[in-house]
């Protein structure tokens, strides 16, 4: 950041008085510009025993499969964001259910949340950010072509729990490993909020 969005003057990166982290601070009007993690919100749309996935038409991970998800907008709830992203990316309407996974992805300053969801009708199509949208049975999921670690882990948990018939809530971290592979660590049970 070079200029203040409030007055247009130059900004400096420094620790403001009373703070502990470097922030962009306007040298003229002294506005502090906070930068916080982005919320990526999506869902697991299910129709009968199949899951709806989108093949990405944009970077990152162009051509790979993902759950419909994207950045939360101002003035919407997380459930509204999940439904909107599904409509935009898959042209599908869903009934959003319970929050299923929440993954902290600190190395890219994001938090990924996925809800369980039910397709209202088996009508869908490729939105502007999707090359293709398809319902997958469990045995046909394209595991080697899944775009993101948070989506892969969400699908792994979902498939396992669907077999047992009992769904929980999962909280964890997605961290880069030294060899550039992504690893998942589950939060200890005492970190769950009742």
Foldseek 3Di string as FASTA:
>chain_A
DAADPVPGAGWDFDADPPGDHTFTAHPPPRDTDDDAFWEKAAEFEDDDQWTKWFQFCDDDLHRFIFGQIGTDDPPDDSQVRHQVSCCQAWVFGKDWDAWAEWEAEPVRRYIYTYTYIYTPDPDTFGHPGGPTMDIDHPVRPPLVRHRDPVRNVSSVQVVVCVVVVDGDHWYWYWYQDPVRDIDIDTDPPVPDDD
